[in-house]
Amino acid sequence: RRATVREAGGEARELLERVDEGTQKAWSAIAGFLTAYRTV
């Protein structure tokens, strides 16, 4: 959502690059969550 609203318009390639950059943060947090979950 943040990647799609950060800039109005833009090329499709630019949008996908922003999405990829943003989702890496999400995947990193998800990995940290699951690693800690499995330590229980």
PDB file of all heavy atoms in Angstrom:
ATOM      1  N   ARG A   1       0.835  -1.207   0.000  1.00  0.00           N
ATOM      2  CA  ARG A   1       0.000   0.000   0.000  1.00  0.00           C
ATOM      3  C   ARG A   1       0.865   1.252   0.000  1.00  0.00           C
ATOM      4  O   ARG A   1       0.613   2.194  -0.763  1.00  0.00           O
ATOM      5  CB  ARG A   1      -0.921   0.010   1.229  1.00  0.00           C
ATOM      6  CG  ARG A   1      -1.909   1.170   1.244  1.00  0.00           C
ATOM      7  CD  ARG A   1      -2.560   1.335   2.602  1.00  0.00           C
ATOM      8  NE  ARG A   1      -1.612   1.821   3.590  1.00  0.00           N
ATOM      9  CZ  ARG A   1      -1.245   3.091   3.713  1.00  0.00           C
ATOM     10  NH1 ARG A   1      -1.722   4.012   2.887  1.00  0.00           N
ATOM     11  NH2 ARG A   1      -0.376   3.452   4.643  1.00  0.00           N
ATOM     12  N   ARG A   2       1.893   1.257   0.835  1.00  0.00           N
ATOM     13  CA  ARG A   2       2.767   2.428   0.888  1.00  0.00           C
ATOM     14  C   ARG A   2       3.478   2.661  -0.439  1.00  0.00           C
ATOM     15  O   ARG A   2       3.662   3.800  -0.862  1.00  0.00           O
ATOM     16  CB  ARG A   2       3.790   2.261   2.016  1.00  0.00           C
ATOM     17  CG  ARG A   2       3.174   2.328   3.404  1.00  0.00           C
ATOM     18  CD  ARG A   2       4.223   2.228   4.478  1.00  0.00           C
ATOM     19  NE  ARG A   2       3.618   2.353   5.802  1.00  0.00           N
ATOM     20  CZ  ARG A   2       4.228   2.890   6.856  1.00  0.00           C
ATOM     21  NH1 ARG A   2       5.456   3.375   6.741  1.00  0.00           N
ATOM     22  NH2 ARG A   2       3.616   2.958   8.007  1.00  0.00           N
ATOM     23  N   ALA A   3       3.866   1.574  -1.092  1.00  0.00           N
ATOM     24  CA  ALA A   3       4.554   1.712  -2.375  1.00  0.00           C
ATOM     25  C   ALA A   3       3.625   2.277  -3.444  1.00  0.00           C
ATOM     26  O   ALA A   3       4.050   3.053  -4.296  1.00  0.00           O
ATOM     27  CB  ALA A   3       5.098   0.355  -2.821  1.00  0.00           C
ATOM     28  N   THR A   4       2.343   1.925  -3.390  1.00  0.00           N
ATOM     29  CA  THR A   4       1.411   2.368  -4.436  1.00  0.00           C
ATOM     30  C   THR A   4       0.968   3.810  -4.247  1.00  0.00           C
ATOM     31  O   THR A   4       0.587   4.465  -5.213  1.00  0.00           O
ATOM     32  CB  THR A   4       0.161   1.476  -4.480  1.00  0.00           C
ATOM     33  OG1 THR A   4      -0.504   1.515  -3.214  1.00  0.00           O
ATOM     34  CG2 THR A   4       0.526   0.044  -4.813  1.00  0.00           C
ATOM     35  N   VAL A   5       1.016   4.327  -3.011  1.00  0.00           N
ATOM     36  CA  VAL A   5       0.531   5.696  -2.781  1.00  0.00           C
ATOM     37  C   VAL A   5       1.659   6.708  -2.643  1.00  0.00           C
ATOM     38  O   VAL A   5       1.408   7.906  -2.573  1.00  0.00           O
ATOM     39  CB  VAL A   5      -0.366   5.772  -1.516  1.00  0.00           C
ATOM     40  CG1 VAL A   5      -1.524   4.829  -1.637  1.00  0.00           C
ATOM     41  CG2 VAL A   5       0.438   5.491  -0.247  1.00  0.00           C
ATOM     42  N   ARG A   6       2.900   6.248  -2.619  1.00  0.00           N
ATOM     43  CA  ARG A   6       4.016   7.169  -2.385  1.00  0.00           C
ATOM     44  C   ARG A   6       4.134   8.205  -3.494  1.00  0.00           C
ATOM     45  O   ARG A   6       4.441   9.356  -3.257  1.00  0.00           O
ATOM     46  CB  ARG A   6       5.335   6.388  -2.262  1.00  0.00           C
ATOM     47  CG  ARG A   6       6.456   7.239  -1.678  1.00  0.00           C
ATOM     48  CD  ARG A   6       7.663   6.397  -1.347  1.00  0.00           C
ATOM     49  NE  ARG A   6       8.367   5.970  -2.552  1.00  0.00           N
ATOM     50  CZ  ARG A   6       9.433   5.156  -2.545  1.00  0.00           C
ATOM     51  NH1 ARG A   6       9.855   4.662  -1.399  1.00  0.00           N
ATOM     52  NH2 ARG A   6      10.043   4.828  -3.655  1.00  0.00           N
ATOM     53  N   GLU A   7       3.879   7.777  -4.699  1.00  0.00           N
ATOM     54  CA  GLU A   7       3.949   8.696  -5.824  1.00  0.00           C
ATOM     55  C   GLU A   7       2.764   8.430  -6.746  1.00  0.00           C
ATOM     56  O   GLU A   7       2.425   7.286  -7.001  1.00  0.00           O
ATOM     57  CB  GLU A   7       5.247   8.497  -6.620  1.00  0.00           C
ATOM     58  CG  GLU A   7       6.505   8.787  -5.847  1.00  0.00           C
ATOM     59  CD  GLU A   7       7.742   8.486  -6.675  1.00  0.00           C
ATOM     60  OE1 GLU A   7       7.605   8.389  -7.908  1.00  0.00           O
ATOM     61  OE2 GLU A   7       8.814   8.347  -6.083  1.00  0.00           O
ATOM     62  N   ALA A   8       2.135   9.482  -7.199  1.00  0.00           N
ATOM     63  CA  ALA A   8       1.038   9.325  -8.149  1.00  0.00           C
ATOM     64  C   ALA A   8       1.607   8.967  -9.508  1.00  0.00           C
ATOM     65  O   ALA A   8       2.606   9.528  -9.953  1.00  0.00           O
ATOM     66  CB  ALA A   8       0.223  10.613  -8.248  1.00  0.00           C
ATOM     67  N   GLY A   9       0.949   8.030 -10.166  1.00  0.00           N
ATOM     68  CA  GLY A   9       1.394   7.664 -11.507  1.00  0.00           C
ATOM     69  C   GLY A   9       2.709   6.920 -11.470  1.00  0.00           C
ATOM     70  O   GLY A   9       2.975   6.121 -10.590  1.00  0.00           O
ATOM     71  N   GLY A  10       3.571   7.188 -12.439  1.00  0.00           N
ATOM     72  CA  GLY A  10       4.853   6.498 -12.513  1.00  0.00           C
ATOM     73  C   GLY A  10       4.775   5.280 -13.408  1.00  0.00           C
ATOM     74  O   GLY A  10       3.708   4.740 -13.670  1.00  0.00           O
ATOM     75  N   GLU A  11       5.931   4.855 -13.873  1.00  0.00           N
ATOM     76  CA  GLU A  11       5.999   3.684 -14.734  1.00  0.00           C
ATOM     77  C   GLU A  11       5.742   2.412 -13.924  1.00  0.00           C
ATOM     78  O   GLU A  11       6.025   2.351 -12.724  1.00  0.00           O
ATOM     79  CB  GLU A  11       7.384   3.602 -15.382  1.00  0.00           C
ATOM     80  CG  GLU A  11       7.713   4.766 -16.302  1.00  0.00           C
ATOM     81  CD  GLU A  11       6.836   4.780 -17.540  1.00  0.00           C
ATOM     82  OE1 GLU A  11       6.412   3.683 -17.977  1.00  0.00           O
ATOM     83  OE2 GLU A  11       6.576   5.876 -18.064  1.00  0.00           O
ATOM     84  N   ALA A  12       5.209   1.400 -14.625  1.00  0.00           N
ATOM     85  CA  ALA A  12       4.921   0.129 -13.952  1.00  0.00           C
ATOM     86  C   ALA A  12       6.188  -0.464 -13.344  1.00  0.00           C
ATOM     87  O   ALA A  12       6.158  -1.018 -12.236  1.00  0.00           O
ATOM     88  CB  ALA A  12       4.303  -0.845 -14.950  1.00  0.00           C
ATOM     89  N   ARG A  13       7.319  -0.327 -14.054  1.00  0.00           N
ATOM     90  CA  ARG A  13       8.573  -0.866 -13.533  1.00  0.00           C
ATOM     91  C   ARG A  13       8.973  -0.176 -12.236  1.00  0.00           C
ATOM     92  O   ARG A  13       9.444  -0.825 -11.292  1.00  0.00           O
ATOM     93  CB  ARG A  13       9.670  -0.707 -14.582  1.00  0.00           C
ATOM     94  CG  ARG A  13      11.017  -1.260 -14.140  1.00  0.00           C
ATOM     95  CD  ARG A  13      12.045  -1.127 -15.244  1.00  0.00           C
ATOM     96  NE  ARG A  13      13.353  -1.573 -14.802  1.00  0.00           N
ATOM     97  CZ  ARG A  13      14.434  -1.561 -15.565  1.00  0.00           C
ATOM     98  NH1 ARG A  13      14.361  -1.124 -16.814  1.00  0.00           N
ATOM     99  NH2 ARG A  13      15.596  -1.977 -15.088  1.00  0.00           N
ATOM    100  N   GLU A  14       8.802   1.137 -12.163  1.00  0.00           N
ATOM    101  CA  GLU A  14       9.137   1.879 -10.951  1.00  0.00           C
ATOM    102  C   GLU A  14       8.267   1.430  -9.785  1.00  0.00           C
ATOM    103  O   GLU A  14       8.736   1.297  -8.649  1.00  0.00           O
ATOM    104  CB  GLU A  14       8.967   3.378 -11.195  1.00  0.00           C
ATOM    105  CG  GLU A  14       9.940   3.961 -12.218  1.00  0.00           C
ATOM    106  CD  GLU A  14       9.647   5.422 -12.508  1.00  0.00           C
ATOM    107  OE1 GLU A  14       8.680   5.949 -11.921  1.00  0.00           O
ATOM    108  OE2 GLU A  14      10.380   6.031 -13.298  1.00  0.00           O
ATOM    109  N   LEU A  15       6.985   1.214 -10.069  1.00  0.00           N
ATOM    110  CA  LEU A  15       6.071   0.767  -9.023  1.00  0.00           C
ATOM    111  C   LEU A  15       6.520  -0.590  -8.480  1.00  0.00           C
ATOM    112  O   LEU A  15       6.576  -0.788  -7.262  1.00  0.00           O
ATOM    113  CB  LEU A  15       4.645   0.676  -9.569  1.00  0.00           C
ATOM    114  CG  LEU A  15       3.618   0.005  -8.643  1.00  0.00           C
ATOM    115  CD1 LEU A  15       3.464   0.794  -7.356  1.00  0.00           C
ATOM    116  CD2 LEU A  15       2.275  -0.137  -9.350  1.00  0.00           C
ATOM    117  N   LEU A  16       6.820  -1.518  -9.367  1.00  0.00           N
ATOM    118  CA  LEU A  16       7.224  -2.848  -8.922  1.00  0.00           C
ATOM    119  C   LEU A  16       8.522  -2.801  -8.137  1.00  0.00           C
ATOM    120  O   LEU A  16       8.711  -3.565  -7.186  1.00  0.00           O
ATOM    121  CB  LEU A  16       7.354  -3.780 -10.132  1.00  0.00           C
ATOM    122  CG  LEU A  16       6.032  -4.120 -10.834  1.00  0.00           C
ATOM    123  CD1 LEU A  16       6.286  -4.994 -12.051  1.00  0.00           C
ATOM    124  CD2 LEU A  16       5.071  -4.805  -9.874  1.00  0.00           C
ATOM    125  N   GLU A  17       9.421  -1.885  -8.500  1.00  0.00           N
ATOM    126  CA  GLU A  17      10.669  -1.734  -7.741  1.00  0.00           C
ATOM    127  C   GLU A  17      10.378  -1.234  -6.334  1.00  0.00           C
ATOM    128  O   GLU A  17      10.996  -1.685  -5.360  1.00  0.00           O
ATOM    129  CB  GLU A  17      11.622  -0.783  -8.473  1.00  0.00           C
ATOM    130  CG  GLU A  17      12.238  -1.369  -9.736  1.00  0.00           C
ATOM    131  CD  GLU A  17      13.092  -0.359 -10.485  1.00  0.00           C
ATOM    132  OE1 GLU A  17      13.064   0.838 -10.116  1.00  0.00           O
ATOM    133  OE2 GLU A  17      13.795  -0.764 -11.438  1.00  0.00           O
ATOM    134  N   ARG A  18       9.433  -0.282  -6.227  1.00  0.00           N
ATOM    135  CA  ARG A  18       9.062   0.228  -4.896  1.00  0.00           C
ATOM    136  C   ARG A  18       8.386  -0.866  -4.080  1.00  0.00           C
ATOM    137  O   ARG A  18       8.635  -1.001  -2.873  1.00  0.00           O
ATOM    138  CB  ARG A  18       8.130   1.432  -5.033  1.00  0.00           C
ATOM    139  CG  ARG A  18       8.768   2.660  -5.653  1.00  0.00           C
ATOM    140  CD  ARG A  18       7.981   3.921  -5.308  1.00  0.00           C
ATOM    141  NE  ARG A  18       6.587   3.847  -5.714  1.00  0.00           N
ATOM    142  CZ  ARG A  18       6.120   4.248  -6.885  1.00  0.00           C
ATOM    143  NH1 ARG A  18       6.956   4.742  -7.799  1.00  0.00           N
ATOM    144  NH2 ARG A  18       4.838   4.176  -7.171  1.00  0.00           N
ATOM    145  N   VAL A  19       7.529  -1.652  -4.737  1.00  0.00           N
ATOM    146  CA  VAL A  19       6.858  -2.750  -4.046  1.00  0.00           C
ATOM    147  C   VAL A  19       7.892  -3.757  -3.543  1.00  0.00           C
ATOM    148  O   VAL A  19       7.832  -4.212  -2.392  1.00  0.00           O
ATOM    149  CB  VAL A  19       5.842  -3.435  -4.975  1.00  0.00           C
ATOM    150  CG1 VAL A  19       5.355  -4.738  -4.358  1.00  0.00           C
ATOM    151  CG2 VAL A  19       4.657  -2.507  -5.237  1.00  0.00           C
ATOM    152  N   ASP A  20       8.851  -4.090  -4.392  1.00  0.00           N
ATOM    153  CA  ASP A  20       9.870  -5.064  -4.004  1.00  0.00           C
ATOM    154  C   ASP A  20      10.701  -4.555  -2.831  1.00  0.00           C
ATOM    155  O   ASP A  20      10.979  -5.293  -1.877  1.00  0.00           O
ATOM    156  CB  ASP A  20      10.781  -5.360  -5.195  1.00  0.00           C
ATOM    157  CG  ASP A  20      11.801  -6.446  -4.873  1.00  0.00           C
ATOM    158  OD1 ASP A  20      11.385  -7.567  -4.572  1.00  0.00           O
ATOM    159  OD2 ASP A  20      13.008  -6.153  -4.902  1.00  0.00           O
ATOM    160  N   GLU A  21      11.072  -3.280  -2.885  1.00  0.00           N
ATOM    161  CA  GLU A  21      11.848  -2.685  -1.791  1.00  0.00           C
ATOM    162  C   GLU A  21      11.061  -2.711  -0.483  1.00  0.00           C
ATOM    163  O   GLU A  21      11.602  -3.031   0.585  1.00  0.00           O
ATOM    164  CB  GLU A  21      12.213  -1.248  -2.147  1.00  0.00           C
ATOM    165  CG  GLU A  21      12.999  -0.522  -1.074  1.00  0.00           C
ATOM    166  CD  GLU A  21      13.252   0.939  -1.408  1.00  0.00           C
ATOM    167  OE1 GLU A  21      12.934   1.358  -2.547  1.00  0.00           O
ATOM    168  OE2 GLU A  21      13.759   1.655  -0.538  1.00  0.00           O
ATOM    169  N   GLY A  22       9.778  -2.380  -0.573  1.00  0.00           N
ATOM    170  CA  GLY A  22       8.963  -2.360   0.633  1.00  0.00           C
ATOM    171  C   GLY A  22       8.718  -3.744   1.198  1.00  0.00           C
ATOM    172  O   GLY A  22       8.780  -3.951   2.416  1.00  0.00           O
ATOM    173  N   THR A  23       8.417  -4.713   0.325  1.00  0.00           N
ATOM    174  CA  THR A  23       8.088  -6.044   0.824  1.00  0.00           C
ATOM    175  C   THR A  23       9.296  -6.726   1.457  1.00  0.00           C
ATOM    176  O   THR A  23       9.121  -7.629   2.289  1.00  0.00           O
ATOM    177  CB  THR A  23       7.516  -6.933  -0.291  1.00  0.00           C
ATOM    178  OG1 THR A  23       8.418  -6.964  -1.400  1.00  0.00           O
ATOM    179  CG2 THR A  23       6.161  -6.435  -0.742  1.00  0.00           C
ATOM    180  N   GLN A  24      10.504  -6.314   1.094  1.00  0.00           N
ATOM    181  CA  GLN A  24      11.676  -6.889   1.753  1.00  0.00           C
ATOM    182  C   GLN A  24      11.662  -6.589   3.255  1.00  0.00           C
ATOM    183  O   GLN A  24      12.083  -7.402   4.075  1.00  0.00           O
ATOM    184  CB  GLN A  24      12.964  -6.367   1.112  1.00  0.00           C
ATOM    185  CG  GLN A  24      13.216  -6.911  -0.291  1.00  0.00           C
ATOM    186  CD  GLN A  24      13.104  -8.417  -0.386  1.00  0.00           C
ATOM    187  OE1 GLN A  24      13.719  -9.145   0.397  1.00  0.00           O
ATOM    188  NE2 GLN A  24      12.311  -8.891  -1.335  1.00  0.00           N
ATOM    189  N   LYS A  25      11.176  -5.399   3.624  1.00  0.00           N
ATOM    190  CA  LYS A  25      11.052  -5.071   5.051  1.00  0.00           C
ATOM    191  C   LYS A  25      10.049  -6.015   5.712  1.00  0.00           C
ATOM    192  O   LYS A  25      10.260  -6.497   6.832  1.00  0.00           O
ATOM    193  CB  LYS A  25      10.591  -3.628   5.224  1.00  0.00           C
ATOM    194  CG  LYS A  25      11.540  -2.567   4.707  1.00  0.00           C
ATOM    195  CD  LYS A  25      10.942  -1.181   4.908  1.00  0.00           C
ATOM    196  CE  LYS A  25      11.810  -0.090   4.335  1.00  0.00           C
ATOM    197  NZ  LYS A  25      11.198   1.248   4.498  1.00  0.00           N
ATOM    198  N   ALA A  26       8.940  -6.246   5.008  1.00  0.00           N
ATOM    199  CA  ALA A  26       7.914  -7.131   5.559  1.00  0.00           C
ATOM    200  C   ALA A  26       8.448  -8.548   5.712  1.00  0.00           C
ATOM    201  O   ALA A  26       8.268  -9.185   6.758  1.00  0.00           O
ATOM    202  CB  ALA A  26       6.670  -7.119   4.668  1.00  0.00           C
ATOM    203  N   TRP A  27       9.129  -9.065   4.676  1.00  0.00           N
ATOM    204  CA  TRP A  27       9.653 -10.430   4.755  1.00  0.00           C
ATOM    205  C   TRP A  27      10.685 -10.558   5.869  1.00  0.00           C
ATOM    206  O   TRP A  27      10.754 -11.592   6.552  1.00  0.00           O
ATOM    207  CB  TRP A  27      10.272 -10.832   3.421  1.00  0.00           C
ATOM    208  CG  TRP A  27       9.278 -11.190   2.349  1.00  0.00           C
ATOM    209  CD1 TRP A  27       9.149 -10.602   1.128  1.00  0.00           C
ATOM    210  CD2 TRP A  27       8.288 -12.223   2.405  1.00  0.00           C
ATOM    211  NE1 TRP A  27       8.124 -11.194   0.419  1.00  0.00           N
ATOM    212  CE2 TRP A  27       7.584 -12.191   1.173  1.00  0.00           C
ATOM    213  CE3 TRP A  27       7.922 -13.164   3.368  1.00  0.00           C
ATOM    214  CZ2 TRP A  27       6.540 -13.069   0.880  1.00  0.00           C
ATOM    215  CZ3 TRP A  27       6.883 -14.037   3.089  1.00  0.00           C
ATOM    216  CH2 TRP A  27       6.210 -13.984   1.862  1.00  0.00           C
ATOM    217  N   SER A  28      11.489  -9.523   6.084  1.00  0.00           N
ATOM    218  CA  SER A  28      12.474  -9.563   7.158  1.00  0.00           C
ATOM    219  C   SER A  28      11.785  -9.658   8.514  1.00  0.00           C
ATOM    220  O   SER A  28      12.198 -10.450   9.379  1.00  0.00           O
ATOM    221  CB  SER A  28      13.356  -8.313   7.098  1.00  0.00           C
ATOM    222  OG  SER A  28      14.291  -8.307   8.156  1.00  0.00           O
ATOM    223  N   ALA A  29      10.717  -8.858   8.702  1.00  0.00           N
ATOM    224  CA  ALA A  29       9.974  -8.908   9.967  1.00  0.00           C
ATOM    225  C   ALA A  29       9.279 -10.251  10.134  1.00  0.00           C
ATOM    226  O   ALA A  29       9.243 -10.815  11.242  1.00  0.00           O
ATOM    227  CB  ALA A  29       8.957  -7.768  10.008  1.00  0.00           C
ATOM    228  N   ILE A  30       8.728 -10.790   9.060  1.00  0.00           N
ATOM    229  CA  ILE A  30       8.055 -12.090   9.117  1.00  0.00           C
ATOM    230  C   ILE A  30       9.055 -13.178   9.513  1.00  0.00           C
ATOM    231  O   ILE A  30       8.759 -14.047  10.341  1.00  0.00           O
ATOM    232  CB  ILE A  30       7.404 -12.414   7.755  1.00  0.00           C
ATOM    233  CG1 ILE A  30       6.243 -11.454   7.485  1.00  0.00           C
ATOM    234  CG2 ILE A  30       6.912 -13.859   7.715  1.00  0.00           C
ATOM    235  CD1 ILE A  30       5.772 -11.432   6.039  1.00  0.00           C
ATOM    236  N   ALA A  31      10.262 -13.119   8.933  1.00  0.00           N
ATOM    237  CA  ALA A  31      11.292 -14.098   9.271  1.00  0.00           C
ATOM    238  C   ALA A  31      11.673 -13.999  10.740  1.00  0.00           C
ATOM    239  O   ALA A  31      11.828 -15.019  11.434  1.00  0.00           O
ATOM    240  CB  ALA A  31      12.521 -13.890   8.391  1.00  0.00           C
ATOM    241  N   GLY A  32      11.816 -12.760  11.258  1.00  0.00           N
ATOM    242  CA  GLY A  32      12.144 -12.576  12.666  1.00  0.00           C
ATOM    243  C   GLY A  32      11.048 -13.103  13.572  1.00  0.00           C
ATOM    244  O   GLY A  32      11.321 -13.717  14.617  1.00  0.00           O
ATOM    245  N   PHE A  33       9.797 -12.863  13.183  1.00  0.00           N
ATOM    246  CA  PHE A  33       8.651 -13.353  13.953  1.00  0.00           C
ATOM    247  C   PHE A  33       8.682 -14.885  14.028  1.00  0.00           C
ATOM    248  O   PHE A  33       8.558 -15.477  15.105  1.00  0.00           O
ATOM    249  CB  PHE A  33       7.362 -12.878  13.297  1.00  0.00           C
ATOM    250  CG  PHE A  33       6.106 -13.349  13.978  1.00  0.00           C
ATOM    251  CD1 PHE A  33       5.452 -12.541  14.895  1.00  0.00           C
ATOM    252  CD2 PHE A  33       5.571 -14.597  13.703  1.00  0.00           C
ATOM    253  CE1 PHE A  33       4.291 -12.970  15.526  1.00  0.00           C
ATOM    254  CE2 PHE A  33       4.417 -15.046  14.336  1.00  0.00           C
ATOM    255  CZ  PHE A  33       3.777 -14.228  15.242  1.00  0.00           C
ATOM    256  N   LEU A  34       8.853 -15.545  12.876  1.00  0.00           N
ATOM    257  CA  LEU A  34       8.806 -17.003  12.833  1.00  0.00           C
ATOM    258  C   LEU A  34       9.992 -17.629  13.558  1.00  0.00           C
ATOM    259  O   LEU A  34       9.846 -18.659  14.228  1.00  0.00           O
ATOM    260  CB  LEU A  34       8.773 -17.480  11.383  1.00  0.00           C
ATOM    261  CG  LEU A  34       7.473 -17.179  10.633  1.00  0.00           C
ATOM    262  CD1 LEU A  34       7.622 -17.529   9.153  1.00  0.00           C
ATOM    263  CD2 LEU A  34       6.309 -17.949  11.245  1.00  0.00           C
ATOM    264  N   THR A  35      11.171 -17.009  13.446  1.00  0.00           N
ATOM    265  CA  THR A  35      12.343 -17.530  14.145  1.00  0.00           C
ATOM    266  C   THR A  35      12.112 -17.514  15.652  1.00  0.00           C
ATOM    267  O   THR A  35      12.388 -18.493  16.362  1.00  0.00           O
ATOM    268  CB  THR A  35      13.588 -16.707  13.795  1.00  0.00           C
ATOM    269  OG1 THR A  35      13.854 -16.825  12.396  1.00  0.00           O
ATOM    270  CG2 THR A  35      14.800 -17.194  14.581  1.00  0.00           C
ATOM    271  N   ALA A  36      11.577 -16.389  16.157  1.00  0.00           N
ATOM    272  CA  ALA A  36      11.307 -16.282  17.599  1.00  0.00           C
ATOM    273  C   ALA A  36      10.178 -17.223  18.002  1.00  0.00           C
ATOM    274  O   ALA A  36      10.226 -17.837  19.080  1.00  0.00           O
ATOM    275  CB  ALA A  36      10.952 -14.840  17.950  1.00  0.00           C
ATOM    276  N   TYR A  37       9.172 -17.352  17.170  1.00  0.00           N
ATOM    277  CA  TYR A  37       8.039 -18.263  17.444  1.00  0.00           C
ATOM    278  C   TYR A  37       8.556 -19.684  17.664  1.00  0.00           C
ATOM    279  O   TYR A  37       8.133 -20.377  18.592  1.00  0.00           O
ATOM    280  CB  TYR A  37       7.083 -18.210  16.256  1.00  0.00           C
ATOM    281  CG  TYR A  37       5.838 -19.070  16.374  1.00  0.00           C
ATOM    282  CD1 TYR A  37       4.642 -18.530  16.849  1.00  0.00           C
ATOM    283  CD2 TYR A  37       5.844 -20.404  15.981  1.00  0.00           C
ATOM    284  CE1 TYR A  37       3.487 -19.301  16.932  1.00  0.00           C
ATOM    285  CE2 TYR A  37       4.702 -21.186  16.067  1.00  0.00           C
ATOM    286  CZ  TYR A  37       3.525 -20.630  16.538  1.00  0.00           C
ATOM    287  OH  TYR A  37       2.377 -21.404  16.623  1.00  0.00           O
ATOM    288  N   ARG A  38       9.480 -20.095  16.808  1.00  0.00           N
ATOM    289  CA  ARG A  38       9.972 -21.476  16.880  1.00  0.00           C
ATOM    290  C   ARG A  38      10.914 -21.705  18.053  1.00  0.00           C
ATOM    291  O   ARG A  38      11.228 -22.858  18.365  1.00  0.00           O
ATOM    292  CB  ARG A  38      10.657 -21.842  15.560  1.00  0.00           C
ATOM    293  CG  ARG A  38       9.678 -21.964  14.383  1.00  0.00           C
ATOM    294  CD  ARG A  38      10.378 -22.463  13.125  1.00  0.00           C
ATOM    295  NE  ARG A  38       9.420 -22.790  12.073  1.00  0.00           N
ATOM    296  CZ  ARG A  38       9.200 -22.037  10.984  1.00  0.00           C
ATOM    297  NH1 ARG A  38       9.886 -20.909  10.820  1.00  0.00           N
ATOM    298  NH2 ARG A  38       8.315 -22.411  10.077  1.00  0.00           N
ATOM    299  N   THR A  39      11.385 -20.635  18.706  1.00  0.00           N
ATOM    300  CA  THR A  39      12.229 -20.824  19.891  1.00  0.00           C
ATOM    301  C   THR A  39      11.406 -21.206  21.114  1.00  0.00           C
ATOM    302  O   THR A  39      11.972 -21.640  22.123  1.00  0.00           O
ATOM    303  CB  THR A  39      13.032 -19.548  20.221  1.00  0.00           C
ATOM    304  OG1 THR A  39      12.137 -18.484  20.578  1.00  0.00           O
ATOM    305  CG2 THR A  39      13.901 -19.137  19.048  1.00  0.00           C
ATOM    306  N   VAL A  40      10.099 -21.021  21.048  1.00  0.00           N
ATOM    307  CA  VAL A  40       9.220 -21.387  22.169  1.00  0.00           C
ATOM    308  C   VAL A  40       9.006 -22.894  22.124  1.00  0.00           C
ATOM    309  O   VAL A  40       8.427 -23.422  21.163  1.00  0.00           O
ATOM    310  CB  VAL A  40       7.867 -20.653  22.077  1.00  0.00           C
ATOM    311  CG1 VAL A  40       6.959 -21.061  23.231  1.00  0.00           C
ATOM    312  CG2 VAL A  40       8.091 -19.139  22.071  1.00  0.00           C
TER     313      VAL A  40
END
